[in-house]
């Protein structure tokens, strides 16, 4: 059925042909995810040429991520305008569907480009997920239209345009990916510096190699006090801080969208 066909589409996931060894990450365990899937053109009982779909589902993973144990850490599965060769409401053999799954939060988040092969009958079907480095997982995808009764009618007429795709998988060998380049990185505040002058405090920061910092937002004890924009920022200066211990947070954004956070603690002396 159409529901299954959409399921197959949503179940696909892809991994890059090559990864930067310095940024390699891994995952072993189980994941689940769910979200809306949008086939275009709508899926009917008759296959249509030029079929493709987009999908974004969220859920959680538990297992070992980058060598550390994780429990119910967030995941996001995305497929963007992925082409399919053959899909109908009753049957959907989908092969080599490319997608991306992000696992984890903050600096520990990792990106896995995956490929999914799925054989769907009606509303559900098993799938095999692979990554580079011979990473592999086995799972099941399930497609649910807004209304089962309406879905059957749409299948025989205009076709199903949207549905919910839910999936889950367990790894059979370690998935290989890379540290997410868009992850948020935070450096700790450390001990309060001795008697810093509140007249002029300079906080330095740097972007990842090959990127430029274009915006920096400054927070003092949780309150935003300054936002600076530029082509290649490397530091920010604060003036007139009042006495006492002050925690200063600088949130930077690079020209490629990477967010990094720098924390500093100062003892301001007047």
Protein backbone atom coordinates (compact mmCIF):
# COMPACT_ATOMS: atom_id res chain seq x y z
CA UNK A 1 0.00 0.00 0.00
CA UNK A 2 0.98 3.61 -0.40
CA UNK A 3 1.69 3.86 3.27
CA UNK A 4 4.35 1.24 2.95
CA UNK A 5 5.83 2.88 -0.09
CA UNK A 6 6.29 6.11 1.75
CA UNK A 7 7.75 4.19 4.61
CA UNK A 8 10.39 2.80 2.38
CA UNK A 9 11.30 6.21 1.15
CA UNK A 10 11.56 7.63 4.63
CA UNK A 11 13.61 4.71 5.83
CA UNK A 12 16.54 5.44 3.55
CA UNK A 13 19.68 6.93 5.01
CA UNK A 14 23.11 7.77 3.44
CA UNK A 15 26.79 8.08 4.41
CA UNK A 16 29.67 9.95 2.79
CA UNK A 17 32.07 8.18 0.49
CA UNK A 18 34.95 9.48 2.53
CA UNK A 19 35.41 11.05 5.95
CA UNK A 20 38.10 13.19 7.55
CA UNK A 21 40.04 10.78 9.83
CA UNK A 22 40.69 13.60 12.28
CA UNK A 23 36.95 14.14 12.74
CA UNK A 24 35.80 10.50 12.74
CA UNK A 25 33.03 9.49 15.11
CA UNK A 26 31.14 6.24 15.65
CA UNK A 27 27.91 4.84 17.04
CA UNK A 28 26.81 1.39 18.19
CA UNK A 29 23.38 0.79 19.64
CA UNK A 30 19.73 1.44 18.77
CA UNK A 31 17.76 4.44 17.48
CA UNK A 32 14.16 5.38 16.81
CA UNK A 33 12.67 8.32 14.94
CA UNK A 34 9.38 9.68 13.60
CA UNK A 35 8.21 12.58 11.47
CA UNK A 36 6.25 13.75 8.41
CA UNK A 37 7.17 12.51 4.94
CA UNK A 38 6.15 14.23 1.72
CA UNK A 39 6.17 12.18 -1.52
CA UNK A 40 5.99 14.07 -4.81
CA UNK A 41 4.09 13.25 -6.92
CA UNK A 42 1.56 11.64 -4.54
CA UNK A 43 1.78 7.85 -4.27
CA UNK A 44 -1.01 5.86 -5.90
CA UNK A 45 -1.62 2.26 -7.01
CA UNK A 46 0.17 3.09 -10.27
CA UNK A 47 3.89 4.03 -10.26
CA UNK A 48 4.66 7.54 -11.53
CA UNK A 49 7.88 8.78 -13.17
CA UNK A 50 10.09 11.34 -11.46
CA UNK A 51 9.04 10.35 -7.93
CA UNK A 52 10.97 11.83 -5.02
CA UNK A 53 10.41 12.68 -1.35
CA UNK A 54 11.65 14.76 1.56
CA UNK A 55 11.64 13.72 5.22
CA UNK A 56 12.71 14.96 8.63
CA UNK A 57 12.19 12.79 11.69
CA UNK A 58 13.37 13.11 15.27
CA UNK A 59 13.80 10.64 18.10
CA UNK A 60 16.45 9.20 20.40
CA UNK A 61 19.42 6.83 20.37
CA UNK A 62 21.01 4.76 23.13
CA UNK A 63 24.33 2.98 23.03
CA UNK A 64 27.92 4.11 22.55
CA UNK A 65 28.61 7.38 20.72
CA UNK A 66 32.21 8.31 20.04
CA UNK A 67 33.39 5.93 22.74
CA UNK A 68 31.04 7.28 25.43
CA UNK A 69 27.82 5.72 26.70
CA UNK A 70 24.61 7.62 25.83
CA UNK A 71 21.00 7.03 26.84
CA UNK A 72 18.05 8.58 24.97
CA UNK A 73 20.29 11.17 23.31
CA UNK A 74 18.49 13.14 20.53
CA UNK A 75 18.69 12.10 16.88
CA UNK A 76 17.49 13.72 13.66
CA UNK A 77 17.04 11.83 10.39
CA UNK A 78 16.83 13.87 7.18
CA UNK A 79 16.23 13.09 3.50
CA UNK A 80 16.12 16.00 1.07
CA UNK A 81 14.47 15.64 -2.35
CA UNK A 82 15.55 11.98 -2.71
CA UNK A 83 14.60 10.28 -5.99
CA UNK A 84 12.96 6.85 -6.08
CA UNK A 85 12.60 4.50 -9.03
CA UNK A 86 9.47 2.52 -8.17
CA UNK A 87 6.84 3.03 -5.46
CA UNK A 88 3.13 2.30 -5.27
CA UNK A 89 0.60 1.94 -2.45
CA UNK A 90 1.06 -1.83 -2.44
CA UNK A 91 4.75 -2.30 -3.05
CA UNK A 92 7.98 -0.32 -2.75
CA UNK A 93 11.46 -1.75 -3.30
CA UNK A 94 13.73 1.26 -2.65
CA UNK A 95 17.49 1.01 -2.99
CA UNK A 96 20.47 3.25 -2.24
CA UNK A 97 18.42 6.08 -0.74
CA UNK A 98 20.77 8.76 0.70
CA UNK A 99 20.16 10.59 3.94
CA UNK A 100 21.79 11.94 7.08
CA UNK A 101 21.35 11.16 10.76
CA UNK A 102 22.64 13.43 13.53
CA UNK A 103 23.16 11.77 16.91
CA UNK A 104 23.92 13.54 20.20
CA UNK A 105 23.99 17.12 21.44
CA UNK A 106 26.54 19.92 21.71
CA UNK A 107 30.18 19.21 21.01
CA UNK A 108 29.55 15.44 21.12
CA UNK A 109 27.01 15.45 18.31
CA UNK A 110 28.02 13.34 15.30
CA UNK A 111 26.86 13.23 11.69
CA UNK A 112 26.37 9.94 9.84
CA UNK A 113 25.71 9.90 6.12
CA UNK A 114 23.75 6.75 5.52
CA UNK A 115 22.24 4.68 2.74
CA UNK A 116 19.06 2.68 3.21
CA UNK A 117 17.73 -0.25 1.22
CA UNK A 118 14.12 -1.12 2.03
CA UNK A 119 11.58 -3.67 0.79
CA UNK A 120 8.08 -2.50 1.65
CA UNK A 121 4.80 -4.34 1.44
CA UNK A 122 1.77 -2.13 2.16
CA UNK A 123 2.38 -0.10 5.34
CA UNK A 124 5.70 -1.46 6.61
CA UNK A 125 8.94 -3.03 5.63
CA UNK A 126 12.40 -4.01 6.87
CA UNK A 127 15.42 -1.96 5.88
CA UNK A 128 19.21 -2.17 5.94
CA UNK A 129 21.13 0.98 6.85
CA UNK A 130 24.81 1.28 5.94
CA UNK A 131 27.59 3.82 6.41
CA UNK A 132 31.23 4.06 5.41
CA UNK A 133 33.61 1.75 7.22
CA UNK A 134 31.21 -1.20 6.74
CA UNK A 135 28.83 0.20 9.35
CA UNK A 136 25.45 -1.52 9.27
CA UNK A 137 22.09 -1.57 11.07
CA UNK A 138 18.83 -3.50 10.59
CA UNK A 139 15.48 -1.85 11.14
CA UNK A 140 11.79 -1.57 10.38
CA UNK A 141 9.92 1.41 8.94
CA UNK A 142 6.19 2.04 9.27
CA UNK A 143 4.08 4.48 7.32
CA UNK A 144 0.84 5.95 8.71
CA UNK A 145 -1.44 8.23 6.64
CA UNK A 146 -3.55 10.86 8.43
CA UNK A 147 -6.56 8.55 8.07
CA UNK A 148 -6.54 4.89 7.04
CA UNK A 149 -9.95 5.11 5.38
CA UNK A 150 -9.06 8.32 3.55
CA UNK A 151 -5.66 6.89 2.60
CA UNK A 152 -7.27 3.92 0.82
CA UNK A 153 -9.49 6.27 -1.19
CA UNK A 154 -6.60 8.60 -2.03
CA UNK A 155 -4.51 5.63 -3.15
CA UNK A 156 -7.12 4.80 -5.76
CA UNK A 157 -7.56 8.40 -6.90
CA UNK A 158 -5.40 11.51 -6.39
CA UNK A 159 -2.77 9.77 -4.26
CA UNK A 160 -1.34 10.23 -0.79
CA UNK A 161 0.55 13.50 -0.34
CA UNK A 162 1.65 13.29 3.28
CA UNK A 163 2.00 10.78 6.09
CA UNK A 164 3.98 9.94 9.19
CA UNK A 165 7.05 7.77 8.85
CA UNK A 166 8.35 6.03 11.98
CA UNK A 167 11.39 3.81 12.10
CA UNK A 168 13.77 2.05 14.46
CA UNK A 169 17.02 0.17 14.00
CA UNK A 170 19.73 -1.75 15.84
CA UNK A 171 23.33 -1.77 14.70
CA UNK A 172 24.97 -5.03 13.68
CA UNK A 173 28.35 -3.35 13.17
CA UNK A 174 29.60 0.08 14.28
CA UNK A 175 28.31 3.02 12.25
CA UNK A 176 31.06 5.38 11.11
CA UNK A 177 30.62 9.11 10.62
CA UNK A 178 32.24 12.33 11.71
CA UNK A 179 31.99 14.97 14.40
CA UNK A 180 29.19 17.29 13.31
CA UNK A 181 30.79 20.49 11.89
CA UNK A 182 27.69 22.46 12.97
CA UNK A 183 27.78 21.22 16.58
CA UNK A 184 28.01 23.68 19.44
CA UNK A 185 31.38 23.67 21.19
CA UNK A 186 31.81 25.13 24.65
CA UNK A 187 34.95 25.87 26.62
CA UNK A 188 34.58 25.97 30.41
CA UNK A 189 34.81 29.20 32.41
CA UNK A 190 37.71 28.09 34.64
CA UNK A 191 38.56 29.82 37.93
CA UNK A 192 37.94 33.54 38.39
CA UNK A 193 40.91 35.61 37.24
CA UNK A 194 42.56 37.77 39.88
CA UNK A 195 41.50 41.35 40.14
CA UNK A 196 40.83 42.15 36.46
CA UNK A 197 40.19 45.80 35.70
CA UNK A 198 36.60 46.51 34.76
CA UNK A 199 37.75 49.46 32.65
CA UNK A 200 38.73 47.24 29.72
CA UNK A 201 38.29 43.45 29.45
CA UNK A 202 39.34 41.76 26.20
CA UNK A 203 38.06 38.26 25.37
CA UNK A 204 39.77 36.45 22.49
CA UNK A 205 38.33 33.59 20.45
CA UNK A 206 38.95 31.79 17.19
CA UNK A 207 37.04 29.92 14.53
CA UNK A 208 37.65 26.41 13.23
CA UNK A 209 40.36 26.30 10.55
CA UNK A 210 39.02 27.49 7.21
CA UNK A 211 36.13 29.46 8.73
CA UNK A 212 35.69 33.10 9.84
CA UNK A 213 33.70 34.39 12.80
CA UNK A 214 31.11 36.89 11.57
CA UNK A 215 29.06 37.50 14.74
CA UNK A 216 29.70 37.49 18.48
CA UNK A 217 27.09 37.96 21.24
CA UNK A 218 28.27 38.75 24.78
CA UNK A 219 26.42 37.87 28.00
CA UNK A 220 27.44 39.04 31.47
CA UNK A 221 25.94 36.94 34.28
CA UNK A 222 23.29 35.71 31.86
CA UNK A 223 22.27 39.11 30.44
CA UNK A 224 23.13 39.99 26.85
CA UNK A 225 25.10 43.23 26.78
CA UNK A 226 26.66 43.39 23.33
CA UNK A 227 26.42 42.02 19.77
CA UNK A 228 29.22 42.57 17.27
CA UNK A 229 29.25 41.68 13.56
CA UNK A 230 32.18 41.65 11.15
CA UNK A 231 34.01 39.74 8.43
CA UNK A 232 36.64 38.07 10.61
CA UNK A 233 36.24 38.69 14.35
CA UNK A 234 38.97 37.48 16.74
CA UNK A 235 38.15 39.28 20.00
CA UNK A 236 35.63 41.48 21.75
CA UNK A 237 36.19 44.24 24.32
CA UNK A 238 33.98 45.16 27.26
CA UNK A 239 34.20 48.44 29.16
CA UNK A 240 32.95 49.64 32.52
CA UNK A 241 32.17 46.35 34.24
CA UNK A 242 31.11 46.77 37.87
CA UNK A 243 33.06 45.15 40.70
CA UNK A 244 32.61 41.55 41.82
CA UNK A 245 32.77 38.13 40.12
CA UNK A 246 31.39 38.22 36.59
CA UNK A 247 30.75 35.22 34.31
CA UNK A 248 31.10 36.32 30.70
CA UNK A 249 29.78 34.16 27.87
CA UNK A 250 30.60 34.86 24.22
CA UNK A 251 28.55 33.00 21.60
CA UNK A 252 30.17 33.17 18.16
CA UNK A 253 28.83 32.23 14.73
CA UNK A 254 31.09 31.46 11.77
CA UNK A 255 30.50 32.19 8.09
CA UNK A 256 29.51 28.53 7.72
CA UNK A 257 27.00 28.66 10.55
CA UNK A 258 29.05 26.90 13.25
CA UNK A 259 28.14 28.01 16.78
CA UNK A 260 30.81 28.05 19.50
CA UNK A 261 30.58 29.26 23.10
CA UNK A 262 33.41 30.68 25.18
CA UNK A 263 32.98 31.09 28.95
CA UNK A 264 35.23 33.21 31.17
CA UNK A 265 34.98 34.14 34.85
CA UNK A 266 36.55 37.38 36.07
CA UNK A 267 36.92 39.03 39.47
CA UNK A 268 36.45 42.69 38.63
CA UNK A 269 38.28 45.13 40.88
CA UNK A 270 37.44 48.83 40.90
